């Protein structure tokens, strides 16, 4: 096998690894969209409007954070950003099991929103950095398809 083919396979393996790590992180978030409306009382939420706020706050957090995370990736290697995102995801996911009430869960969902910004942009920047003009669309499709498996697994759990 030529050195070119080995380098190309190594880059694709890196994208697949990043995608699968992102999928793993996304599973806990996706499970909430099914479980939280049904089991809100077990986590200390009293009404469905609280569930709605909890499930949507991560999107509001990402709006101002995405440009900041983009600037962060100009100064920090993608690998460091992704490791930080995985750690933040672990904090949020474990926090879902340990904490109760509206305000703690609101903070956890904000942490998840920040982690998701780092994961999403890190994955996209990885594709841009590792793919070439001839296969960028295909590699982005592989990345999106694999990391969205985390949503499927989380909802099925």
Protein backbone atom coordinates (compact mmCIF):
# COMPACT_ATOMS: atom_id res chain seq x y z
CA UNK A 1 0.00 0.00 0.00
CA UNK A 2 1.38 3.40 -0.90
CA UNK A 3 2.16 6.06 1.65
CA UNK A 4 -0.63 8.20 0.13
CA UNK A 5 -3.26 5.50 0.71
CA UNK A 6 -2.04 4.89 4.26
CA UNK A 7 -2.29 8.61 5.05
CA UNK A 8 -5.76 8.79 3.51
CA UNK A 9 -6.98 5.79 5.56
CA UNK A 10 -5.46 7.28 8.71
CA UNK A 11 -7.35 10.55 8.15
CA UNK A 12 -10.62 8.69 7.58
CA UNK A 13 -10.06 6.66 10.76
CA UNK A 14 -9.55 9.90 12.67
CA UNK A 15 -12.85 11.28 11.35
CA UNK A 16 -14.64 8.03 12.23
CA UNK A 17 -13.17 8.10 15.74
CA UNK A 18 -14.23 11.72 16.29
CA UNK A 19 -17.70 10.91 14.95
CA UNK A 20 -18.16 7.91 17.24
CA UNK A 21 -16.97 9.84 20.30
CA UNK A 22 -19.45 12.57 19.41
CA UNK A 23 -22.18 9.95 18.99
CA UNK A 24 -21.41 8.56 22.42
CA UNK A 25 -21.64 12.05 23.94
CA UNK A 26 -24.89 12.77 22.09
CA UNK A 27 -26.63 9.63 23.36
CA UNK A 28 -27.22 11.01 26.86
CA UNK A 29 -28.65 14.24 25.51
CA UNK A 30 -30.97 12.51 23.07
CA UNK A 31 -32.31 10.19 25.75
CA UNK A 32 -33.58 13.24 27.66
CA UNK A 33 -35.95 14.22 24.85
CA UNK A 34 -37.83 10.95 25.35
CA UNK A 35 -37.41 10.35 29.09
CA UNK A 36 -37.65 13.81 30.64
CA UNK A 37 -41.26 14.59 29.70
CA UNK A 38 -42.32 11.19 31.05
CA UNK A 39 -40.23 11.11 34.24
CA UNK A 40 -40.01 14.81 35.11
CA UNK A 41 -41.23 14.31 38.69
CA UNK A 42 -38.38 11.90 39.46
CA UNK A 43 -35.83 14.65 38.76
CA UNK A 44 -37.67 17.37 40.62
CA UNK A 45 -39.43 19.11 37.75
CA UNK A 46 -43.04 19.94 38.48
CA UNK A 47 -44.46 20.99 35.14
CA UNK A 48 -44.03 20.53 31.42
CA UNK A 49 -43.00 24.15 30.90
CA UNK A 50 -39.93 23.41 33.06
CA UNK A 51 -39.17 20.43 30.84
CA UNK A 52 -39.49 22.65 27.77
CA UNK A 53 -37.10 25.22 29.16
CA UNK A 54 -34.62 22.55 30.24
CA UNK A 55 -34.66 20.87 26.83
CA UNK A 56 -34.32 24.13 24.89
CA UNK A 57 -31.83 26.15 26.94
CA UNK A 58 -28.84 24.39 25.40
CA UNK A 59 -29.82 25.83 22.01
CA UNK A 60 -29.97 29.37 23.38
CA UNK A 61 -26.58 28.89 24.99
CA UNK A 62 -25.05 27.80 21.70
CA UNK A 63 -26.11 30.92 19.80
CA UNK A 64 -23.61 33.25 21.48
CA UNK A 65 -21.07 30.50 22.18
CA UNK A 66 -20.57 29.17 18.64
CA UNK A 67 -18.56 32.19 17.44
CA UNK A 68 -16.51 32.10 20.63
CA UNK A 69 -15.82 28.38 20.21
CA UNK A 70 -14.81 29.06 16.60
CA UNK A 71 -12.28 31.62 17.84
CA UNK A 72 -11.16 29.18 20.53
CA UNK A 73 -10.28 26.64 17.85
CA UNK A 74 -7.95 29.16 16.20
CA UNK A 75 -5.86 29.11 19.40
CA UNK A 76 -6.35 25.57 20.74
CA UNK A 77 -5.76 22.28 18.91
CA UNK A 78 -8.89 20.39 17.91
CA UNK A 79 -7.84 17.41 20.03
CA UNK A 80 -7.72 19.53 23.21
CA UNK A 81 -11.13 21.03 22.44
CA UNK A 82 -12.67 17.62 21.88
CA UNK A 83 -11.20 16.24 25.10
CA UNK A 84 -12.60 19.22 27.01
CA UNK A 85 -16.00 18.65 25.38
CA UNK A 86 -16.02 14.98 26.36
CA UNK A 87 -15.20 15.93 29.96
CA UNK A 88 -17.96 18.57 30.01
CA UNK A 89 -20.36 16.02 28.54
CA UNK A 90 -19.46 13.56 31.30
CA UNK A 91 -20.09 16.24 33.96
CA UNK A 92 -23.49 17.06 32.48
CA UNK A 93 -24.55 13.46 31.96
CA UNK A 94 -23.53 12.31 35.42
CA UNK A 95 -25.14 15.42 36.85
CA UNK A 96 -28.46 14.37 35.34
CA UNK A 97 -28.34 11.30 37.54
CA UNK A 98 -27.14 13.07 40.67
CA UNK A 99 -28.95 16.41 40.81
CA UNK A 100 -32.62 17.29 41.14
CA UNK A 101 -34.59 20.43 40.51
CA UNK A 102 -35.05 23.06 37.89
CA UNK A 103 -32.02 25.27 38.57
CA UNK A 104 -29.37 22.51 38.78
CA UNK A 105 -30.72 20.96 35.59
CA UNK A 106 -30.72 24.35 33.88
CA UNK A 107 -27.01 24.71 34.69
CA UNK A 108 -26.32 21.16 33.48
CA UNK A 109 -28.09 21.85 30.18
CA UNK A 110 -26.03 25.03 29.74
CA UNK A 111 -22.88 22.97 30.30
CA UNK A 112 -24.15 20.50 27.71
CA UNK A 113 -24.83 23.34 25.26
CA UNK A 114 -21.23 24.52 25.61
CA UNK A 115 -19.93 20.96 25.21
CA UNK A 116 -22.10 20.42 22.13
CA UNK A 117 -20.75 23.59 20.52
CA UNK A 118 -17.22 22.35 21.06
CA UNK A 119 -18.05 18.86 19.76
CA UNK A 120 -20.01 20.02 16.72
CA UNK A 121 -17.51 22.64 15.59
CA UNK A 122 -14.55 20.40 16.42
CA UNK A 123 -15.97 17.66 14.23
CA UNK A 124 -16.64 20.05 11.38
CA UNK A 125 -13.18 21.62 11.63
CA UNK A 126 -11.67 18.13 11.68
CA UNK A 127 -13.44 17.23 8.45
CA UNK A 128 -12.26 20.44 6.82
CA UNK A 129 -8.69 19.85 8.01
CA UNK A 130 -8.46 16.14 7.18
CA UNK A 131 -10.49 15.83 3.99
CA UNK A 132 -9.44 17.14 0.62
CA UNK A 133 -11.48 18.89 -2.05
CA UNK A 134 -12.29 15.63 -3.81
CA UNK A 135 -13.85 13.84 -0.84
CA UNK A 136 -14.92 16.58 1.62
CA UNK A 137 -18.64 16.05 1.00
CA UNK A 138 -18.36 12.30 1.38
CA UNK A 139 -16.34 12.61 4.58
CA UNK A 140 -18.80 15.17 6.00
CA UNK A 141 -21.62 12.72 5.22
CA UNK A 142 -19.77 9.93 7.02
CA UNK A 143 -19.20 12.21 10.00
CA UNK A 144 -22.82 13.36 10.18
CA UNK A 145 -24.20 9.87 9.69
CA UNK A 146 -22.02 8.37 12.40
CA UNK A 147 -22.47 11.03 15.05
CA UNK A 148 -26.24 11.03 14.54
CA UNK A 149 -26.22 7.36 15.49
CA UNK A 150 -25.77 8.70 19.03
CA UNK A 151 -29.22 10.30 18.78
CA UNK A 152 -30.72 7.04 17.64
CA UNK A 153 -29.07 5.04 20.41
CA UNK A 154 -30.02 7.59 23.04
CA UNK A 155 -33.66 7.61 22.00
CA UNK A 156 -33.81 3.84 21.87
CA UNK A 157 -32.34 3.56 25.36
